Amino acid sequence: MTPGHRYLLGVTTVAVAALLLSLVLPPPDRSGVWLALGVALTVQGPLGWWLVQAIGTERFLLVWAIGIAARLAVVAGCGLVVAPALGLALAPLLFALVGVLMCCVVVEAIVVRPGRPGGGVEVR
């Protein structure tokens, strides 16, 4: 399985898990969780794919750092602007947003980890 396929499988698993977990929440909190999931996947999808494409290149660390900064900016923006503007409760939105983003970072770590059988990381 290629790194791209592993990444897509991992992010899809995170999204399905978040949707299923949202069903146990009270209805008023679900909208914040669903918004968080949409925002997280909209930001994480391209950033994670960019990171997967940078595996083994000299720009890998730069791409990773930009991704972390972008995630921090999204969390701050949602907490300071989006949630108050939409009248959403902060706790469900931010917990879900940070949770999904962190799960996606774990997916990235699994995808890019070196030492897989038959595949060393070479710098291009």
N, C-alpha and C. Protein backbone atom coordinates (compact mmCIF):
# COMPACT_ATOMS: atom_id res chain seq x y z
N MET A 1 0.85 -1.17 0.00
CA MET A 1 0.00 0.00 0.00
C MET A 1 0.90 1.24 0.00
N THR A 2 0.60 2.19 -0.85
CA THR A 2 1.41 3.39 -0.96
C THR A 2 1.13 4.34 0.21
N PRO A 3 2.04 5.28 0.46
CA PRO A 3 1.78 6.27 1.52
C PRO A 3 0.48 7.05 1.28
N GLY A 4 0.20 7.37 0.04
CA GLY A 4 -1.04 8.10 -0.26
C GLY A 4 -2.28 7.30 0.10
N HIS A 5 -2.26 6.02 -0.21
CA HIS A 5 -3.40 5.17 0.14
C HIS A 5 -3.54 5.02 1.65
N ARG A 6 -2.41 4.86 2.35
CA ARG A 6 -2.46 4.77 3.81
C ARG A 6 -3.02 6.05 4.41
N TYR A 7 -2.62 7.19 3.85
CA TYR A 7 -3.10 8.48 4.35
C TYR A 7 -4.61 8.60 4.15
N LEU A 8 -5.09 8.31 2.95
CA LEU A 8 -6.53 8.40 2.68
C LEU A 8 -7.34 7.46 3.56
N LEU A 9 -6.85 6.26 3.74
CA LEU A 9 -7.52 5.30 4.61
C LEU A 9 -7.57 5.80 6.05
N GLY A 10 -6.46 6.35 6.53
CA GLY A 10 -6.39 6.85 7.90
C GLY A 10 -7.32 8.03 8.13
N VAL A 11 -7.32 8.99 7.22
CA VAL A 11 -8.18 10.18 7.38
C VAL A 11 -9.65 9.79 7.27
N THR A 12 -9.97 8.87 6.38
CA THR A 12 -11.35 8.40 6.27
C THR A 12 -11.79 7.71 7.57
N THR A 13 -10.91 6.93 8.15
CA THR A 13 -11.22 6.26 9.42
C THR A 13 -11.48 7.28 10.53
N VAL A 14 -10.65 8.32 10.59
CA VAL A 14 -10.84 9.38 11.59
C VAL A 14 -12.19 10.07 11.38
N ALA A 15 -12.53 10.38 10.14
CA ALA A 15 -13.79 11.06 9.85
C ALA A 15 -15.00 10.21 10.25
N VAL A 16 -14.97 8.94 9.90
CA VAL A 16 -16.08 8.04 10.25
C VAL A 16 -16.20 7.90 11.77
N ALA A 17 -15.07 7.77 12.45
CA ALA A 17 -15.10 7.65 13.91
C ALA A 17 -15.68 8.91 14.55
N ALA A 18 -15.29 10.08 14.05
CA ALA A 18 -15.81 11.34 14.61
C ALA A 18 -17.32 11.45 14.37
N LEU A 19 -17.77 11.06 13.19
CA LEU A 19 -19.21 11.11 12.91
C LEU A 19 -19.98 10.16 13.83
N LEU A 20 -19.46 8.97 14.01
CA LEU A 20 -20.14 8.01 14.89
C LEU A 20 -20.15 8.49 16.34
N LEU A 21 -19.04 9.04 16.80
CA LEU A 21 -19.00 9.56 18.17
C LEU A 21 -19.93 10.74 18.37
N SER A 22 -20.14 11.53 17.32
CA SER A 22 -21.02 12.69 17.45
C SER A 22 -22.47 12.28 17.70
N LEU A 23 -22.82 11.07 17.32
CA LEU A 23 -24.20 10.61 17.49
C LEU A 23 -24.59 10.39 18.95
N VAL A 24 -23.61 10.27 19.84
CA VAL A 24 -23.92 10.10 21.26
C VAL A 24 -24.04 11.43 21.99
N LEU A 25 -23.75 12.53 21.31
CA LEU A 25 -23.83 13.85 21.93
C LEU A 25 -25.26 14.38 21.89
N PRO A 26 -25.57 15.31 22.79
CA PRO A 26 -26.89 15.96 22.71
C PRO A 26 -27.01 16.73 21.39
N PRO A 27 -28.20 16.79 20.83
CA PRO A 27 -28.38 17.46 19.53
C PRO A 27 -27.80 18.87 19.42
N PRO A 28 -27.87 19.73 20.45
CA PRO A 28 -27.30 21.07 20.27
C PRO A 28 -25.78 21.06 20.06
N ASP A 29 -25.10 20.05 20.59
CA ASP A 29 -23.64 19.99 20.46
C ASP A 29 -23.19 19.36 19.15
N ARG A 30 -24.06 18.63 18.50
CA ARG A 30 -23.68 17.93 17.27
C ARG A 30 -23.27 18.89 16.16
N SER A 31 -23.97 20.01 16.05
CA SER A 31 -23.65 20.93 14.95
C SER A 31 -22.23 21.47 15.08
N GLY A 32 -21.78 21.74 16.30
CA GLY A 32 -20.41 22.19 16.50
C GLY A 32 -19.40 21.12 16.13
N VAL A 33 -19.72 19.88 16.47
CA VAL A 33 -18.82 18.77 16.15
C VAL A 33 -18.77 18.56 14.64
N TRP A 34 -19.91 18.64 13.98
CA TRP A 34 -19.93 18.45 12.53
C TRP A 34 -19.19 19.58 11.82
N LEU A 35 -19.35 20.81 12.32
CA LEU A 35 -18.60 21.92 11.74
C LEU A 35 -17.11 21.71 11.95
N ALA A 36 -16.73 21.29 13.15
CA ALA A 36 -15.32 21.03 13.43
C ALA A 36 -14.76 19.96 12.51
N LEU A 37 -15.52 18.91 12.27
CA LEU A 37 -15.08 17.84 11.38
C LEU A 37 -14.89 18.37 9.96
N GLY A 38 -15.84 19.16 9.49
CA GLY A 38 -15.72 19.73 8.15
C GLY A 38 -14.53 20.65 8.01
N VAL A 39 -14.33 21.52 9.00
CA VAL A 39 -13.19 22.44 8.96
C VAL A 39 -11.88 21.66 9.04
N ALA A 40 -11.81 20.71 9.96
CA ALA A 40 -10.58 19.94 10.13
C ALA A 40 -10.21 19.18 8.87
N LEU A 41 -11.17 18.54 8.23
CA LEU A 41 -10.87 17.79 7.02
C LEU A 41 -10.54 18.70 5.84
N THR A 42 -11.17 19.87 5.80
CA THR A 42 -10.87 20.83 4.73
C THR A 42 -9.44 21.34 4.85
N VAL A 43 -8.98 21.55 6.07
CA VAL A 43 -7.61 22.02 6.29
C VAL A 43 -6.63 20.86 6.23
N GLN A 44 -6.96 19.78 6.90
CA GLN A 44 -6.04 18.66 7.03
C GLN A 44 -5.82 17.92 5.72
N GLY A 45 -6.85 17.78 4.92
CA GLY A 45 -6.72 17.04 3.67
C GLY A 45 -5.56 17.52 2.81
N PRO A 46 -5.58 18.78 2.39
CA PRO A 46 -4.47 19.27 1.56
C PRO A 46 -3.13 19.31 2.29
N LEU A 47 -3.14 19.70 3.57
CA LEU A 47 -1.87 19.77 4.31
C LEU A 47 -1.24 18.39 4.45
N GLY A 48 -2.04 17.42 4.79
CA GLY A 48 -1.52 16.06 4.95
C GLY A 48 -1.05 15.48 3.63
N TRP A 49 -1.79 15.75 2.56
CA TRP A 49 -1.38 15.25 1.25
C TRP A 49 -0.07 15.89 0.82
N TRP A 50 0.08 17.18 1.11
CA TRP A 50 1.32 17.89 0.81
C TRP A 50 2.48 17.25 1.57
N LEU A 51 2.24 16.91 2.82
CA LEU A 51 3.28 16.27 3.63
C LEU A 51 3.64 14.89 3.07
N VAL A 52 2.63 14.13 2.68
CA VAL A 52 2.90 12.80 2.10
C VAL A 52 3.76 12.94 0.84
N GLN A 53 3.49 13.96 0.04
CA GLN A 53 4.27 14.17 -1.18
C GLN A 53 5.69 14.62 -0.88
N ALA A 54 5.91 15.17 0.32
CA ALA A 54 7.24 15.67 0.69
C ALA A 54 8.09 14.61 1.39
N ILE A 55 7.56 13.41 1.58
CA ILE A 55 8.34 12.35 2.24
C ILE A 55 9.63 12.12 1.47
N GLY A 56 10.74 12.15 2.19
CA GLY A 56 12.04 11.88 1.60
C GLY A 56 12.68 13.05 0.89
N THR A 57 12.06 14.23 0.96
CA THR A 57 12.65 15.40 0.32
C THR A 57 13.25 16.32 1.38
N GLU A 58 14.03 17.27 0.92
CA GLU A 58 14.66 18.22 1.85
C GLU A 58 13.65 19.19 2.44
N ARG A 59 12.51 19.35 1.82
CA ARG A 59 11.52 20.31 2.32
C ARG A 59 10.53 19.69 3.31
N PHE A 60 10.71 18.43 3.67
CA PHE A 60 9.77 17.72 4.54
C PHE A 60 9.53 18.47 5.86
N LEU A 61 10.58 18.87 6.55
CA LEU A 61 10.43 19.53 7.84
C LEU A 61 9.72 20.88 7.69
N LEU A 62 10.02 21.61 6.62
CA LEU A 62 9.35 22.89 6.37
C LEU A 62 7.85 22.67 6.16
N VAL A 63 7.50 21.68 5.37
CA VAL A 63 6.09 21.37 5.11
C VAL A 63 5.39 20.99 6.41
N TRP A 64 6.05 20.18 7.24
CA TRP A 64 5.48 19.77 8.51
C TRP A 64 5.24 21.00 9.40
N ALA A 65 6.22 21.89 9.50
CA ALA A 65 6.09 23.08 10.35
C ALA A 65 4.97 24.01 9.86
N ILE A 66 4.86 24.18 8.56
CA ILE A 66 3.78 25.01 8.01
C ILE A 66 2.43 24.39 8.35
N GLY A 67 2.34 23.08 8.27
CA GLY A 67 1.09 22.39 8.61
C GLY A 67 0.70 22.59 10.06
N ILE A 68 1.66 22.48 10.96
CA ILE A 68 1.37 22.69 12.39
C ILE A 68 0.91 24.13 12.64
N ALA A 69 1.58 25.10 12.02
CA ALA A 69 1.18 26.50 12.18
C ALA A 69 -0.22 26.75 11.62
N ALA A 70 -0.53 26.14 10.49
CA ALA A 70 -1.86 26.31 9.91
C ALA A 70 -2.94 25.72 10.81
N ARG A 71 -2.66 24.57 11.40
CA ARG A 71 -3.64 23.96 12.31
C ARG A 71 -3.87 24.84 13.54
N LEU A 72 -2.80 25.40 14.08
CA LEU A 72 -2.93 26.31 15.22
C LEU A 72 -3.78 27.53 14.85
N ALA A 73 -3.55 28.08 13.67
CA ALA A 73 -4.32 29.24 13.21
C ALA A 73 -5.80 28.89 13.05
N VAL A 74 -6.09 27.70 12.56
CA VAL A 74 -7.48 27.28 12.39
C VAL A 74 -8.17 27.13 13.74
N VAL A 75 -7.50 26.54 14.71
CA VAL A 75 -8.09 26.39 16.04
C VAL A 75 -8.35 27.77 16.65
N ALA A 76 -7.39 28.67 16.54
CA ALA A 76 -7.57 30.03 17.08
C ALA A 76 -8.72 30.75 16.36
N GLY A 77 -8.76 30.65 15.05
CA GLY A 77 -9.82 31.30 14.29
C GLY A 77 -11.20 30.77 14.63
N CYS A 78 -11.30 29.47 14.79
CA CYS A 78 -12.61 28.89 15.15
C CYS A 78 -13.03 29.31 16.55
N GLY A 79 -12.08 29.36 17.47
CA GLY A 79 -12.41 29.73 18.84
C GLY A 79 -12.72 31.20 19.01
N LEU A 80 -12.01 32.05 18.29
CA LEU A 80 -12.17 33.49 18.46
C LEU A 80 -13.18 34.13 17.52
N VAL A 81 -13.39 33.53 16.35
CA VAL A 81 -14.25 34.17 15.34
C VAL A 81 -15.47 33.31 14.98
N VAL A 82 -15.23 32.10 14.54
CA VAL A 82 -16.31 31.28 13.97
C VAL A 82 -17.36 30.90 15.01
N ALA A 83 -16.95 30.33 16.12
CA ALA A 83 -17.93 29.89 17.13
C ALA A 83 -18.77 31.05 17.66
N PRO A 84 -18.16 32.18 18.05
CA PRO A 84 -19.00 33.30 18.51
C PRO A 84 -19.93 33.83 17.41
N ALA A 85 -19.45 33.88 16.18
CA ALA A 85 -20.27 34.41 15.09
C ALA A 85 -21.48 33.52 14.81
N LEU A 86 -21.32 32.22 14.97
CA LEU A 86 -22.42 31.29 14.71
C LEU A 86 -23.22 30.94 15.96
N GLY A 87 -22.78 31.45 17.11
CA GLY A 87 -23.48 31.18 18.36
C GLY A 87 -23.34 29.74 18.83
N LEU A 88 -22.23 29.11 18.50
CA LEU A 88 -22.00 27.72 18.90
C LEU A 88 -21.26 27.65 20.23
N ALA A 89 -21.51 26.60 20.98
CA ALA A 89 -20.78 26.38 22.23
C ALA A 89 -19.33 26.08 21.89
N LEU A 90 -18.42 26.70 22.63
CA LEU A 90 -16.99 26.53 22.34
C LEU A 90 -16.48 25.12 22.63
N ALA A 91 -16.89 24.54 23.74
CA ALA A 91 -16.32 23.25 24.16
C ALA A 91 -16.50 22.14 23.12
N PRO A 92 -17.71 21.87 22.65
CA PRO A 92 -17.83 20.78 21.67
C PRO A 92 -17.08 21.06 20.37
N LEU A 93 -17.15 22.31 19.92
CA LEU A 93 -16.47 22.67 18.67
C LEU A 93 -14.97 22.52 18.79
N LEU A 94 -14.38 23.11 19.83
CA LEU A 94 -12.93 23.09 19.94
C LEU A 94 -12.39 21.71 20.32
N PHE A 95 -13.08 21.00 21.21
CA PHE A 95 -12.62 19.64 21.55
C PHE A 95 -12.63 18.75 20.31
N ALA A 96 -13.70 18.84 19.54
CA ALA A 96 -13.79 18.02 18.32
C ALA A 96 -12.75 18.45 17.30
N LEU A 97 -12.56 19.75 17.13
CA LEU A 97 -11.59 20.25 16.16
C LEU A 97 -10.18 19.80 16.51
N VAL A 98 -9.79 20.01 17.75
CA VAL A 98 -8.44 19.60 18.18
C VAL A 98 -8.31 18.08 18.13
N GLY A 99 -9.35 17.37 18.53
CA GLY A 99 -9.30 15.91 18.50
C GLY A 99 -9.12 15.36 17.09
N VAL A 100 -9.89 15.87 16.14
CA VAL A 100 -9.77 15.39 14.76
C VAL A 100 -8.41 15.77 14.19
N LEU A 101 -7.96 17.00 14.43
CA LEU A 101 -6.65 17.41 13.91
C LEU A 101 -5.53 16.56 14.51
N MET A 102 -5.59 16.28 15.80
CA MET A 102 -4.54 15.46 16.41
C MET A 102 -4.58 14.02 15.89
N CYS A 103 -5.77 13.50 15.70
CA CYS A 103 -5.86 12.15 15.12
C CYS A 103 -5.26 12.12 13.72
N CYS A 104 -5.48 13.18 12.96
CA CYS A 104 -4.91 13.25 11.61
C CYS A 104 -3.39 13.39 11.66
N VAL A 105 -2.87 14.08 12.67
CA VAL A 105 -1.41 14.16 12.83
C VAL A 105 -0.85 12.77 13.15
N VAL A 106 -1.58 12.00 13.95
CA VAL A 106 -1.15 10.62 14.23
C VAL A 106 -1.16 9.80 12.94
N VAL A 107 -2.17 10.00 12.11
CA VAL A 107 -2.21 9.31 10.81
C VAL A 107 -0.98 9.68 9.99
N GLU A 108 -0.64 10.96 9.96
CA GLU A 108 0.56 11.39 9.23
C GLU A 108 1.80 10.69 9.77
N ALA A 109 1.92 10.61 11.09
CA ALA A 109 3.09 9.97 11.69
C ALA A 109 3.18 8.50 11.29
N ILE A 110 2.05 7.84 11.23
CA ILE A 110 2.04 6.43 10.83
C ILE A 110 2.42 6.30 9.36
N VAL A 111 1.93 7.20 8.54
CA VAL A 111 2.20 7.14 7.10
C VAL A 111 3.66 7.40 6.79
N VAL A 112 4.27 8.36 7.48
CA VAL A 112 5.64 8.76 7.12
C VAL A 112 6.71 8.06 7.92
N ARG A 113 6.34 7.23 8.87
CA ARG A 113 7.37 6.62 9.72
C ARG A 113 8.33 5.77 8.87
N PRO A 114 9.60 5.89 9.17
CA PRO A 114 10.59 5.10 8.43
C PRO A 114 10.64 3.67 8.97
N GLY A 115 11.35 2.83 8.26
CA GLY A 115 11.58 1.48 8.74
C GLY A 115 10.54 0.47 8.29
N ARG A 116 9.74 0.82 7.32
CA ARG A 116 8.79 -0.16 6.79
C ARG A 116 9.56 -1.21 6.00
N PRO A 117 9.13 -2.45 6.02
CA PRO A 117 9.84 -3.49 5.28
C PRO A 117 9.96 -3.15 3.80
N GLY A 118 11.16 -3.26 3.30
CA GLY A 118 11.39 -3.01 1.88
C GLY A 118 11.43 -1.56 1.48
N GLY A 119 11.41 -0.66 2.44
CA GLY A 119 11.38 0.74 2.06
C GLY A 119 12.11 1.63 3.02
N GLY A 120 13.28 2.08 2.65
CA GLY A 120 13.97 3.09 3.43
C GLY A 120 13.62 4.45 2.87
N VAL A 121 13.78 5.47 3.66
CA VAL A 121 13.51 6.82 3.19
C VAL A 121 14.78 7.38 2.58
N GLU A 122 14.68 7.80 1.35
CA GLU A 122 15.83 8.40 0.70
C GLU A 122 15.50 9.85 0.39
N VAL A 123 16.49 10.72 0.48
CA VAL A 123 16.29 12.13 0.20
C VAL A 123 16.41 12.33 -1.29
N ARG A 124 15.39 12.95 -1.89
CA ARG A 124 15.40 13.21 -3.33
C ARG A 124 15.96 14.56 -3.63
